[in-house]
Protein backbone atom coordinates (compact mmCIF):
# COMPACT_ATOMS: atom_id res chain seq x y z
CA MET A 1 -16.37 -0.95 -30.84
CA PRO A 2 -19.75 0.11 -29.59
CA GLU A 3 -20.29 3.86 -29.30
CA PRO A 4 -21.31 5.11 -25.84
CA ASP A 5 -25.05 5.21 -25.44
CA PRO A 6 -26.61 8.69 -25.54
CA PRO A 7 -28.96 9.72 -22.73
CA PRO A 8 -32.13 7.59 -22.89
CA LEU A 9 -34.88 9.10 -25.00
CA ARG A 10 -38.42 9.27 -23.74
CA TYR A 11 -41.31 7.94 -25.79
CA PRO A 12 -44.38 9.39 -24.05
CA HIS A 13 -46.53 8.67 -27.10
CA LEU A 14 -45.77 4.96 -26.76
CA HIS A 15 -46.15 4.64 -23.02
CA SER A 16 -49.20 3.40 -21.23
CA GLY A 17 -50.00 3.01 -17.57
CA ARG A 18 -48.90 5.20 -14.72
CA SER A 19 -45.51 6.84 -14.45
CA GLY A 20 -43.64 8.70 -11.75
CA PRO A 21 -43.37 7.89 -8.03
CA ALA A 22 -46.83 6.35 -7.76
CA ALA A 23 -46.08 3.86 -10.50
CA ARG A 24 -42.67 2.97 -9.08
CA GLY A 25 -44.22 2.31 -5.73
CA THR A 26 -43.18 2.66 -2.13
CA PRO A 27 -39.99 1.05 -0.78
CA LEU A 28 -42.14 -1.79 0.61
CA ARG A 29 -43.75 -2.36 -2.79
CA ARG A 30 -40.33 -2.43 -4.46
CA LEU A 31 -39.03 -4.87 -1.85
CA LEU A 32 -42.03 -7.16 -2.37
CA GLY A 33 -41.49 -6.97 -6.13
CA MET A 34 -37.87 -8.09 -5.77
CA ALA A 35 -38.95 -10.87 -3.44
CA CYS A 36 -41.45 -12.02 -6.05
CA ILE A 37 -38.66 -12.28 -8.64
CA ILE A 38 -36.42 -14.26 -6.30
CA ILE A 39 -39.23 -16.57 -5.17
CA GLY A 40 -40.25 -17.12 -8.78
CA VAL A 41 -36.69 -18.02 -9.72
CA TRP A 42 -36.32 -20.61 -7.01
CA GLY A 43 -39.75 -22.11 -7.55
CA MET A 44 -41.31 -21.18 -4.18
CA PRO A 45 -45.07 -20.54 -4.01
CA GLY A 46 -46.74 -17.17 -3.56
CA CYS A 47 -45.76 -15.26 -6.70
CA GLY A 48 -46.65 -16.76 -10.05
CA PRO A 49 -45.04 -15.68 -13.32
CA ALA A 50 -46.34 -12.51 -14.90
CA PRO A 51 -48.63 -12.89 -17.93
CA ARG A 52 -46.66 -13.38 -21.15
CA LYS A 53 -46.34 -10.30 -23.33
CA ALA A 54 -45.38 -12.17 -26.52
CA ASP A 55 -44.94 -15.59 -28.10
CA LEU A 56 -41.16 -15.09 -27.85
CA VAL A 57 -39.53 -12.98 -25.13
CA VAL A 58 -35.86 -12.05 -25.55
CA GLY A 59 -33.86 -10.67 -22.64
CA VAL A 60 -31.57 -7.78 -23.65
CA GLU A 61 -29.12 -5.59 -21.76
CA ARG A 62 -30.46 -2.30 -23.10
CA GLY A 63 -33.22 -0.97 -25.27
CA PRO A 64 -33.03 1.39 -28.25
CA SER A 65 -31.81 4.95 -27.79
CA SER A 66 -33.92 6.00 -30.78
CA LEU A 67 -36.73 4.53 -32.87
CA ASP A 68 -35.45 6.41 -35.94
CA PRO A 69 -33.28 4.08 -38.09
CA ARG A 70 -31.32 7.09 -39.36
CA VAL A 71 -30.20 8.06 -35.89
CA GLY A 72 -29.49 5.19 -33.49
CA SER A 73 -25.92 3.83 -33.66
CA ASP A 74 -25.99 1.85 -30.42
CA GLN A 75 -26.48 -1.91 -30.26
CA GLY A 76 -29.93 -1.69 -28.66
CA SER A 77 -31.22 0.40 -31.56
CA GLN A 78 -29.57 -1.67 -34.30
CA ARG A 79 -31.12 -4.87 -32.98
CA LEU A 80 -34.57 -3.34 -33.25
CA TYR A 81 -33.93 -1.97 -36.75
CA ASP A 82 -32.90 -5.46 -37.93
CA LEU A 83 -36.49 -6.60 -37.32
CA VAL A 84 -38.57 -3.52 -38.11
CA HIS A 85 -36.84 -2.06 -41.15
CA ARG A 86 -35.40 -3.09 -44.49
CA SER A 87 -32.65 -1.26 -46.33
CA LEU A 88 -31.44 -1.12 -49.91
CA PHE A 89 -28.61 -3.53 -49.03
CA LYS A 90 -27.78 -5.86 -46.16
CA PRO A 91 -24.77 -7.97 -45.10
CA GLY A 92 -24.43 -11.23 -47.04
CA PRO A 93 -22.89 -14.58 -45.99
CA SER A 94 -19.36 -13.24 -46.49
CA LEU A 95 -20.37 -9.90 -44.93
CA GLU A 96 -20.43 -8.24 -48.35
CA ALA A 97 -23.33 -5.92 -49.20
CA VAL A 98 -26.09 -7.85 -50.99
CA PRO A 99 -29.46 -6.55 -52.26
CA ASP A 100 -32.34 -6.29 -49.79
CA LEU A 101 -34.96 -3.81 -51.01
CA ALA A 102 -32.77 -3.47 -54.08
CA ARG A 103 -33.41 -6.09 -56.73
CA SER A 104 -30.23 -5.25 -58.63
CA VAL A 105 -27.49 -2.65 -58.92
CA GLU A 106 -25.57 -1.45 -61.98
CA ILE A 107 -22.31 0.47 -61.69
CA LEU A 108 -22.74 2.65 -64.77
CA THR A 109 -19.53 4.56 -64.06
CA GLU A 110 -17.32 4.76 -60.98
CA LYS A 111 -19.41 7.75 -59.90
CA ARG A 112 -22.89 6.66 -61.00
CA TYR A 113 -24.92 3.75 -59.59
CA ARG A 114 -28.35 2.62 -60.74
CA ILE A 115 -30.44 0.68 -58.21
CA THR A 116 -33.62 -1.13 -59.20
CA LEU A 117 -36.03 -1.85 -56.34
CA ARG A 118 -38.05 -4.97 -55.65
CA ARG A 119 -41.76 -4.69 -56.20
CA GLY A 120 -44.42 -5.81 -53.77
CA VAL A 121 -42.66 -4.84 -50.50
CA ARG A 122 -45.11 -2.93 -48.31
CA TYR A 123 -45.34 -0.91 -45.15
CA PRO A 124 -47.82 -2.06 -42.47
CA ASP A 125 -50.52 0.25 -43.89
CA GLY A 126 -50.25 -1.62 -47.21
CA ARG A 127 -48.44 1.12 -49.13
CA GLU A 128 -45.77 -0.19 -51.49
CA VAL A 129 -42.13 0.82 -51.00
CA THR A 130 -40.87 2.89 -53.96
CA ALA A 131 -37.78 4.76 -55.13
CA ALA A 132 -39.33 7.98 -53.78
CA ASP A 133 -39.20 6.52 -50.25
CA ALA A 134 -35.54 5.58 -50.64
CA ALA A 135 -34.68 9.01 -52.07
CA TYR A 136 -36.53 10.75 -49.24
CA THR A 137 -34.69 8.74 -46.56
CA LEU A 138 -31.24 9.37 -48.04
CA HIS A 139 -31.98 13.06 -48.68
CA SER A 140 -33.14 13.58 -45.09
CA ILE A 141 -29.74 12.39 -43.87
CA ILE A 142 -27.62 14.24 -46.44
CA ARG A 143 -29.48 17.54 -45.93
CA GLY A 144 -29.19 17.26 -42.17
CA ASP A 145 -32.93 17.05 -41.50
CA VAL A 146 -31.91 14.56 -38.82
CA VAL A 147 -28.62 14.38 -36.92
CA SER A 148 -27.28 11.10 -38.27
CA TYR A 149 -23.89 9.41 -37.88
CA ARG A 150 -24.39 8.14 -41.46
CA ARG A 151 -24.19 11.61 -42.98
CA GLY A 152 -20.40 11.62 -43.41
CA ASP A 153 -20.48 8.68 -45.81
CA LEU A 154 -23.69 9.58 -47.62
CA GLU A 155 -22.51 13.16 -48.26
CA ARG A 156 -20.44 11.68 -51.10
CA ILE A 157 -23.76 11.40 -52.98
CA GLU A 158 -23.95 14.56 -55.07
CA ARG A 159 -27.38 13.98 -56.58
CA ILE A 160 -30.24 11.45 -56.38
CA GLU A 161 -32.63 10.89 -59.27
CA THR A 162 -35.73 8.69 -59.56
CA PRO A 163 -36.29 8.08 -63.30
CA ASP A 164 -39.31 5.95 -62.46
CA LYS A 165 -41.15 4.43 -59.52
CA TRP A 166 -38.66 1.59 -59.11
CA THR A 167 -35.32 3.13 -60.12
CA LEU A 168 -32.84 5.13 -58.07
CA ASP A 169 -29.81 6.80 -59.69
CA LEU A 170 -27.02 7.89 -57.35
CA HIS A 171 -24.42 10.36 -58.65
CA LEU A 172 -21.27 10.58 -56.52
CA GLU A 173 -18.83 13.45 -56.11
CA GLU A 174 -15.96 10.96 -56.25
CA SER A 175 -15.55 7.21 -56.48
CA TYR A 176 -16.37 5.51 -53.19
CA ALA A 177 -16.04 1.71 -53.04
CA PRO A 178 -17.93 1.14 -49.72
CA LEU A 179 -21.07 2.91 -51.03
CA LEU A 180 -23.31 -0.18 -50.99
CA ASP A 181 -22.20 -1.00 -47.46
CA THR A 182 -23.38 2.46 -46.34
CA LEU A 183 -26.82 1.98 -47.92
CA THR A 184 -27.94 -0.19 -44.99
CA VAL A 185 -30.22 2.40 -43.37
CA GLY A 186 -33.87 1.49 -42.92
CA ILE A 187 -36.05 3.05 -45.64
CA LEU A 188 -38.88 5.17 -44.26
CA PRO A 189 -42.06 6.23 -46.09
CA GLU A 190 -41.72 9.47 -48.04
CA GLY A 191 -42.76 12.42 -45.90
CA THR A 192 -42.11 10.79 -42.51
CA PRO A 193 -41.53 13.81 -40.23
CA ALA A 194 -37.93 14.19 -39.10
CA ASP A 195 -39.16 14.81 -35.57
CA GLY A 196 -42.01 12.32 -35.81
CA SER A 197 -43.09 10.04 -33.03
CA THR A 198 -43.30 6.88 -35.14
CA PHE A 199 -41.03 5.49 -37.84
CA PRO A 200 -42.87 2.82 -39.87
CA GLY A 201 -40.72 0.09 -41.36
CA CYS A 202 -41.29 -2.49 -44.06
CA GLY A 203 -39.53 -5.29 -42.17
CA PRO A 204 -41.06 -8.48 -40.76
CA TYR A 205 -42.20 -6.81 -37.51
CA GLN A 206 -43.69 -3.49 -36.47
CA ILE A 207 -43.46 -1.75 -33.10
CA THR A 208 -46.65 -1.77 -31.07
CA ARG A 209 -45.46 -0.34 -27.77
CA VAL A 210 -42.32 0.83 -25.96
CA ILE A 211 -42.19 1.04 -22.18
CA GLN A 212 -39.03 3.00 -21.43
CA ASP A 213 -36.24 0.87 -19.92
CA GLN A 214 -38.61 -2.10 -19.57
CA TRP A 215 -40.13 -3.48 -22.79
CA VAL A 216 -40.18 -3.18 -26.56
CA LEU A 217 -43.23 -5.00 -27.98
CA LEU A 218 -43.50 -6.06 -31.62
CA ARG A 219 -46.03 -7.83 -33.78
CA ALA A 220 -45.76 -9.28 -37.25
CA ASN A 221 -46.11 -6.93 -40.19
CA ASP A 222 -49.03 -8.51 -42.04
CA SER A 223 -47.80 -6.88 -45.25
CA SER A 224 -44.39 -8.56 -45.07
CA PRO A 225 -43.88 -11.05 -47.93
CA ILE A 226 -42.20 -13.57 -45.59
CA PRO A 227 -44.02 -13.82 -42.24
CA PRO A 228 -41.91 -14.45 -39.12
CA LYS A 229 -42.32 -17.66 -37.13
CA THR A 230 -44.05 -15.90 -34.21
CA SER A 231 -46.75 -13.28 -34.54
CA THR A 232 -45.54 -11.39 -31.45
CA LEU A 233 -42.04 -10.73 -30.15
CA ALA A 234 -40.84 -8.77 -27.11
CA PHE A 235 -37.53 -7.43 -25.86
CA LYS A 236 -37.42 -7.40 -22.07
CA ILE A 237 -34.80 -4.86 -20.99
CA ILE A 238 -32.72 -6.20 -18.09
CA PRO A 239 -29.51 -4.20 -17.50
CA ASP A 240 -27.99 -6.58 -14.97
CA ALA A 241 -26.46 -9.81 -16.31
CA VAL A 242 -27.23 -11.76 -13.14
CA VAL A 243 -30.89 -10.78 -13.31
CA ARG A 244 -31.02 -11.72 -17.01
CA SER A 245 -29.74 -15.16 -16.08
CA LEU A 246 -32.29 -15.48 -13.27
CA GLU A 247 -35.16 -14.40 -15.53
CA LEU A 248 -34.15 -17.07 -18.07
CA ARG A 249 -34.14 -19.70 -15.31
CA ARG A 250 -37.48 -18.45 -14.06
CA GLY A 251 -39.03 -18.70 -17.54
CA SER A 252 -40.09 -15.05 -17.84
CA VAL A 253 -37.51 -14.78 -20.63
CA ASP A 254 -37.28 -17.39 -23.40
CA MET A 255 -33.84 -16.59 -24.76
CA VAL A 256 -30.80 -14.33 -24.43
CA VAL A 257 -28.42 -13.60 -27.33
CA ASN A 258 -24.84 -12.44 -26.69
CA ASP A 259 -25.92 -10.82 -23.44
CA LEU A 260 -24.79 -13.37 -20.85
CA PRO A 261 -21.28 -13.60 -19.36
CA PRO A 262 -19.35 -16.82 -20.11
CA ASP A 263 -19.83 -18.19 -16.59
CA ALA A 264 -23.60 -17.87 -16.91
CA VAL A 265 -23.59 -19.55 -20.33
CA ALA A 266 -21.68 -22.48 -18.85
CA TYR A 267 -24.44 -22.92 -16.25
CA PHE A 268 -27.11 -23.38 -18.93
CA ARG A 269 -25.37 -26.34 -20.54
CA ARG A 270 -27.85 -28.68 -18.88
CA PRO A 271 -31.24 -30.27 -19.56
CA GLY A 272 -34.03 -27.78 -19.99
CA TYR A 273 -31.96 -25.34 -22.06
CA ARG A 274 -30.15 -25.19 -25.35
CA VAL A 275 -26.93 -23.33 -26.02
CA GLN A 276 -26.25 -22.54 -29.66
CA ARG A 277 -22.93 -20.99 -30.66
CA THR A 278 -21.74 -19.77 -34.05
CA ASN A 279 -18.66 -17.95 -35.29
CA GLY A 280 -18.77 -14.20 -34.73
CA ALA A 281 -17.33 -11.24 -36.63
CA ASN A 282 -16.47 -9.05 -33.62
CA TYR A 283 -12.77 -8.44 -32.98
CA ARG A 284 -11.23 -8.29 -29.50
CA TYR A 285 -7.86 -6.56 -29.41
CA ILE A 286 -5.31 -4.55 -27.44
CA GLY A 287 -4.77 -1.05 -28.80
CA VAL A 288 -1.28 0.48 -28.66
CA ARG A 289 -0.12 4.11 -28.49
CA MET A 290 2.40 4.03 -31.31
CA ASN A 291 4.23 7.24 -30.35
CA HIS A 292 4.95 5.95 -26.84
CA PRO A 293 8.73 6.06 -26.18
CA ILE A 294 8.80 2.29 -25.51
CA LEU A 295 5.86 0.95 -27.51
CA LYS A 296 7.02 2.66 -30.71
CA CYS A 297 9.59 -0.15 -30.93
CA VAL A 298 8.13 -3.00 -33.03
CA GLU A 299 10.20 -5.61 -31.14
CA VAL A 300 8.45 -4.59 -27.92
CA ARG A 301 5.02 -4.95 -29.51
CA ARG A 302 5.96 -8.37 -30.88
CA ALA A 303 7.31 -9.37 -27.47
CA ILE A 304 3.99 -8.43 -25.87
CA ALA A 305 2.15 -10.54 -28.45
CA HIS A 306 4.38 -13.56 -27.77
CA ALA A 307 4.02 -13.09 -23.99
CA LEU A 308 0.22 -13.44 -24.11
CA ASP A 309 -1.18 -16.93 -23.56
CA ARG A 310 -4.27 -16.22 -25.63
CA GLU A 311 -5.34 -19.86 -25.69
CA LEU A 312 -5.39 -20.03 -21.89
CA ILE A 313 -7.14 -16.65 -21.56
CA THR A 314 -9.77 -17.72 -24.09
CA ARG A 315 -10.33 -21.00 -22.30
CA THR A 316 -10.52 -19.59 -18.76
CA VAL A 317 -11.88 -16.04 -19.05
CA ILE A 318 -14.38 -16.47 -21.90
CA ARG A 319 -14.84 -20.24 -21.37
CA GLY A 320 -13.80 -21.08 -24.92
CA PHE A 321 -16.47 -18.91 -26.58
CA GLY A 322 -14.12 -17.43 -29.15
CA ARG A 323 -11.49 -18.07 -31.86
CA PRO A 324 -7.95 -16.71 -32.09
CA ALA A 325 -7.81 -13.54 -34.19
CA THR A 326 -5.13 -12.45 -36.66
CA SER A 327 -6.87 -9.64 -38.55
CA LEU A 328 -9.53 -6.98 -38.06
CA LEU A 329 -11.58 -8.94 -40.63
CA CYS A 330 -12.95 -12.28 -39.45
CA PRO A 331 -12.37 -15.46 -41.54
CA GLU A 332 -15.95 -15.31 -42.87
CA ASN A 333 -15.22 -11.96 -44.52
CA ARG A 334 -14.28 -12.44 -48.15
CA TYR A 335 -11.43 -9.93 -47.74
CA HIS A 336 -9.85 -11.84 -44.83
CA ARG A 337 -6.22 -12.70 -45.56
CA PRO A 338 -5.30 -16.19 -44.27
CA GLY A 339 -1.75 -17.13 -43.30
CA LEU A 340 -0.80 -13.84 -41.67
CA ALA A 341 2.12 -13.49 -39.28
CA ASP A 342 1.07 -15.06 -36.00
CA TYR A 343 2.49 -14.76 -32.50
CA PRO A 344 2.18 -18.04 -30.57
CA PHE A 345 2.66 -18.04 -26.82
CA ASP A 346 6.44 -18.06 -26.38
CA PRO A 347 7.71 -16.24 -23.25
CA LYS A 348 11.35 -17.09 -23.98
CA ARG A 349 11.13 -15.51 -27.41
CA ALA A 350 9.42 -12.49 -25.84
CA GLU A 351 12.32 -12.13 -23.41
CA ARG A 352 14.88 -12.33 -26.23
CA LEU A 353 13.04 -9.64 -28.22
CA LEU A 354 12.97 -7.34 -25.19
CA ASP A 355 16.69 -7.91 -24.55
CA GLU A 356 17.49 -7.17 -28.21
CA ALA A 357 15.36 -4.01 -28.08
CA GLY A 358 17.51 -2.66 -25.26
CA PHE A 359 15.23 -3.36 -22.28
CA PRO A 360 17.16 -5.85 -20.08
CA ARG A 361 15.69 -7.42 -16.97
CA ARG A 362 16.37 -5.60 -13.74
CA PRO A 363 15.22 -6.40 -10.18
CA GLU A 364 12.40 -3.86 -10.54
CA GLY A 365 11.47 -5.15 -14.01
CA ARG A 366 12.19 -3.99 -17.55
CA PHE A 367 9.75 -1.05 -17.75
CA SER A 368 6.23 -0.03 -16.72
CA LEU A 369 3.07 0.47 -18.79
CA THR A 370 -0.56 1.33 -18.05
CA TYR A 371 -3.47 -0.71 -19.45
CA LYS A 372 -6.89 0.94 -19.55
CA THR A 373 -10.13 -0.99 -19.61
CA SER A 374 -13.80 -0.59 -18.75
CA SER A 375 -15.30 -1.78 -15.47
CA ASP A 376 -17.07 -4.66 -17.26
CA LYS A 377 -16.35 -7.94 -15.43
CA VAL A 378 -14.96 -9.86 -18.41
CA SER A 379 -12.85 -6.88 -19.53
CA ARG A 380 -11.33 -6.65 -16.07
CA GLN A 381 -10.56 -10.37 -16.04
CA VAL A 382 -8.84 -10.04 -19.42
CA ALA A 383 -6.78 -7.14 -18.05
CA VAL A 384 -5.64 -9.17 -15.04
CA ALA A 385 -4.61 -12.05 -17.31
CA VAL A 386 -2.64 -9.66 -19.56
CA GLN A 387 -0.99 -8.16 -16.47
CA GLU A 388 0.08 -11.59 -15.23
CA ASN A 389 1.41 -12.68 -18.63
CA LEU A 390 3.46 -9.53 -19.15
CA GLY A 391 4.76 -9.63 -15.58
CA ARG A 392 6.37 -13.00 -16.30
CA VAL A 393 8.60 -11.42 -18.97
CA GLY A 394 9.48 -8.43 -16.81
CA ILE A 395 6.91 -5.85 -17.93
CA ARG A 396 5.15 -4.13 -15.02
CA LEU A 397 1.54 -3.40 -16.00
CA THR A 398 -0.77 -1.10 -14.05
CA ILE A 399 -4.49 -1.62 -14.71
CA GLU A 400 -6.88 1.32 -14.77
CA SER A 401 -10.46 0.01 -14.73
CA LEU A 402 -12.75 2.94 -15.52
CA GLU A 403 -16.45 3.66 -15.87
CA TRP A 404 -17.40 3.28 -19.54
CA GLY A 405 -17.81 6.97 -20.38
CA THR A 406 -14.48 7.93 -18.82
CA PHE A 407 -12.66 4.98 -20.37
CA TYR A 408 -14.06 5.56 -23.85
CA GLY A 409 -13.31 9.27 -23.62
CA ASP A 410 -9.66 8.49 -22.83
CA VAL A 411 -9.47 6.07 -25.77
CA LYS A 412 -10.97 8.59 -28.20
CA ARG A 413 -8.46 11.22 -27.08
CA GLY A 414 -5.53 8.82 -27.41
CA ASP A 415 -4.88 9.01 -23.65
CA PHE A 416 -3.45 5.53 -22.96
CA ASP A 417 -0.41 3.28 -23.26
CA LEU A 418 -2.44 0.13 -23.95
CA PHE A 419 -6.20 -0.46 -23.88
CA GLY A 420 -8.56 -3.37 -24.42
CA LEU A 421 -11.66 -3.10 -26.62
CA THR A 422 -13.83 -4.84 -29.21
CA TRP A 423 -14.75 -3.69 -32.71
CA LEU A 424 -18.23 -4.85 -33.69
CA GLY A 425 -18.83 -6.72 -36.95
CA ILE A 426 -16.48 -5.02 -39.42
CA ARG A 427 -17.84 -5.67 -42.92
CA ASP A 428 -16.09 -3.53 -45.52
CA PRO A 429 -12.26 -3.34 -45.54
CA ASP A 430 -12.44 0.45 -45.82
CA ALA A 431 -12.41 0.08 -42.04
CA TYR A 432 -8.61 0.00 -42.35
CA ARG A 433 -8.54 3.54 -43.81
CA LEU A 434 -10.65 4.89 -40.97
CA ARG A 435 -8.54 3.19 -38.26
CA PHE A 436 -4.97 3.26 -39.59
CA SER A 437 -4.63 6.11 -42.10
CA SER A 438 -2.52 9.01 -40.80
CA SER A 439 -5.37 11.28 -41.96
CA PHE A 440 -7.61 9.95 -39.19
CA PHE A 441 -5.66 10.60 -36.00
CA ALA A 442 -7.64 10.91 -32.77
CA PRO A 443 -9.53 12.81 -31.49
CA HIS A 444 -11.10 13.56 -34.89
CA GLY A 445 -10.69 10.05 -36.31
CA LEU A 446 -10.47 6.41 -35.32
CA ASN A 447 -6.66 6.13 -35.54
CA ARG A 448 -6.42 6.42 -31.78
CA GLY A 449 -2.96 4.91 -31.48
CA ARG A 450 -1.56 7.47 -33.96
CA TYR A 451 -0.16 4.78 -36.26
CA ARG A 452 1.66 6.17 -39.29
CA ASN A 453 2.82 4.25 -42.37
CA SER A 454 3.09 5.83 -45.82
CA GLU A 455 2.51 2.53 -47.64
CA ILE A 456 -0.71 1.94 -45.66
CA ASP A 457 -1.85 5.50 -46.49
CA ALA A 458 -1.36 4.86 -50.20
CA LEU A 459 -3.00 1.44 -50.12
CA VAL A 460 -6.17 2.50 -48.31
CA ARG A 461 -6.57 5.45 -50.68
CA ALA A 462 -6.37 3.02 -53.59
CA GLY A 463 -8.81 0.62 -51.90
CA VAL A 464 -11.54 3.22 -51.54
CA ALA A 465 -11.22 4.29 -55.18
CA THR A 466 -12.31 1.02 -56.83
CA ALA A 467 -15.44 -1.02 -56.25
CA LEU A 468 -14.18 -4.16 -58.02
CA PHE A 469 -13.44 -7.06 -55.68
CA GLU A 470 -10.70 -8.39 -57.97
CA GLU A 471 -8.85 -5.07 -57.69
CA ARG A 472 -9.50 -4.45 -54.00
CA ARG A 473 -8.54 -7.92 -52.75
CA PRO A 474 -4.74 -7.66 -53.36
CA ILE A 475 -4.75 -4.16 -51.87
CA TYR A 476 -6.24 -5.33 -48.59
CA ASP A 477 -4.14 -8.50 -48.57
CA ARG A 478 -1.09 -6.25 -48.40
CA VAL A 479 -2.70 -3.98 -45.79
CA GLN A 480 -3.32 -6.96 -43.52
CA GLU A 481 0.21 -8.30 -44.04
CA ILE A 482 1.78 -4.98 -42.98
CA LEU A 483 -0.44 -4.57 -39.93
CA ALA A 484 0.19 -8.17 -38.81
CA GLU A 485 3.92 -7.44 -38.89
CA GLU A 486 3.80 -4.00 -37.26
CA LEU A 487 1.06 -4.69 -34.68
CA PRO A 488 -0.59 -1.32 -34.03
CA TYR A 489 -3.31 -3.63 -32.67
CA ILE A 490 -2.44 -6.85 -30.85
CA PRO A 491 -5.15 -9.34 -31.87
CA LEU A 492 -6.84 -11.45 -29.21
CA TRP A 493 -9.91 -13.31 -30.47
CA TYR A 494 -13.22 -13.24 -32.34
CA PRO A 495 -15.95 -13.77 -29.71
CA ASP A 496 -18.61 -16.34 -30.62
CA ASN A 497 -22.27 -15.50 -31.06
CA VAL A 498 -24.13 -17.39 -28.35
CA ILE A 499 -27.85 -18.09 -28.01
CA VAL A 500 -29.14 -19.46 -24.70
CA ALA A 501 -32.80 -20.53 -24.96
CA ARG A 502 -35.29 -22.48 -22.94
CA GLU A 503 -36.13 -25.95 -24.16
CA GLY A 504 -39.20 -25.87 -26.38
CA PHE A 505 -37.94 -22.98 -28.50
CA ASP A 506 -35.86 -23.31 -31.64
CA GLY A 507 -34.73 -21.50 -34.77
CA GLY A 508 -31.77 -20.58 -36.94
CA PRO A 509 -28.28 -19.41 -35.95
CA VAL A 510 -27.02 -15.88 -35.39
CA PRO A 511 -25.16 -14.55 -38.47
CA PRO A 512 -21.50 -13.60 -37.91
CA ASP A 513 -22.23 -9.87 -37.49
CA GLY A 514 -24.89 -10.54 -34.82
CA ASN A 515 -27.79 -9.19 -36.91
CA PHE A 516 -31.04 -9.81 -34.98
CA GLY A 517 -32.98 -10.52 -38.18
CA PHE A 518 -32.45 -14.21 -37.42
CA LEU A 519 -35.14 -13.95 -34.72
CA THR A 520 -37.78 -14.22 -37.44
CA THR A 521 -36.93 -17.96 -37.52
CA TRP A 522 -37.31 -18.47 -33.76
CA GLY A 523 -40.34 -19.49 -31.74
CA PRO A 524 -41.97 -22.38 -29.89
CA GLU A 525 -41.21 -25.78 -31.35
CA LYS A 526 -44.02 -27.16 -33.44
CA THR A 527 -45.56 -30.33 -32.11
CA PRO A 528 -45.97 -33.20 -34.59
């Protein structure tokens, strides 16, 4: 689930041009500007397209909240980091942590890891990336030099040593299996000021300019060992989905990735555009308050699952851009457990379960629940579909559609009966400990439904204590089996990753976790 965006940061050192009321213009100027956009979209004369700012322009909903890879946890920041920075490890094909800046890793003991770095990776100024840079970056987080959401996991590192220029030894306070998955922070040059204005990366691109709430401009890092397909790349920040669609039609944007509603994507399935879809790792679900006097009954939760026509909702609300989900971990994840208990659409079975649970049908219905959701269009449509499905089996559902901050605050506090949300790209199965262990109840943890199961508590403790896949796999198989039977989450689907691009541009697919590093393969088609 995406964290709420912090207040936008200002980057005065990266701005150029006028700012303030004079730059924004008079009401007449703003009106003429909007007219220019509309005229451009519909092909009428009088306002030509603005000069291109890059070889490839990508329309995005929001820009980064921070340029510091240790700080930004929002989607806008992560997308930028995927292109500008490299980390010790990155997600692999099965979403496991694989070496990036690291050449190899040795687990010397369960509490000591030795990482050997690649040689020849350089920052834009030509300086080679070394173990001292990695140690500096990790230390700056652990010591609290920057306020970083990564500190909680990295604090398990008791000591960092650099025996030589290319070797990093990490000594842990206790065994911690997801360690490599947490070492995905961009590595900054040693001595980069914590409150600095620039944060150089050793990735394929470097930032050249940020215009707040409008543009992020990038150019290729000439020191990168693998050059990207285009020498310049730009993110055009367009908060409104309708305007993003119009800009793509106009040609001022070349592509949009996972930032168009399903209806808009359906429009672009026509000549002049290409729609590329791949399996995604995000997980759409309904969260349940497990200490609710009605929902604490497992038969009720199973009845709700059987009452939902997920196939129809997927086909109509998200236009088929998704796959049915059974587990928090997508099928591409090597820890995904196939063959879990499933709940096909079966209203009659749902009615029987509710009768057996002691909630018979009455003229006014069986009982009432409240479903909280954000004001996002698709989320509201999902809520209405859930309301209709549950109404058919006698459950009265009241929808509360709230502004994001209010909605997310209620979810974090555990103030709901049911809610609808999406977890983004879960990679390591330790996610189950953070979301379902009784040690992580909201508001101080991610167990927002207050689910409690002593076997789950024991399993997730065992899973975090060993780094060996062969030992962890059966642990998380059992975790997934229990959760599929008890349904503290009711699975909906895994949304697809969807690229919509203008004809004349091509490149590789989006990886399951939505990492924007794939953009290095995109650009104008080469003519024969």
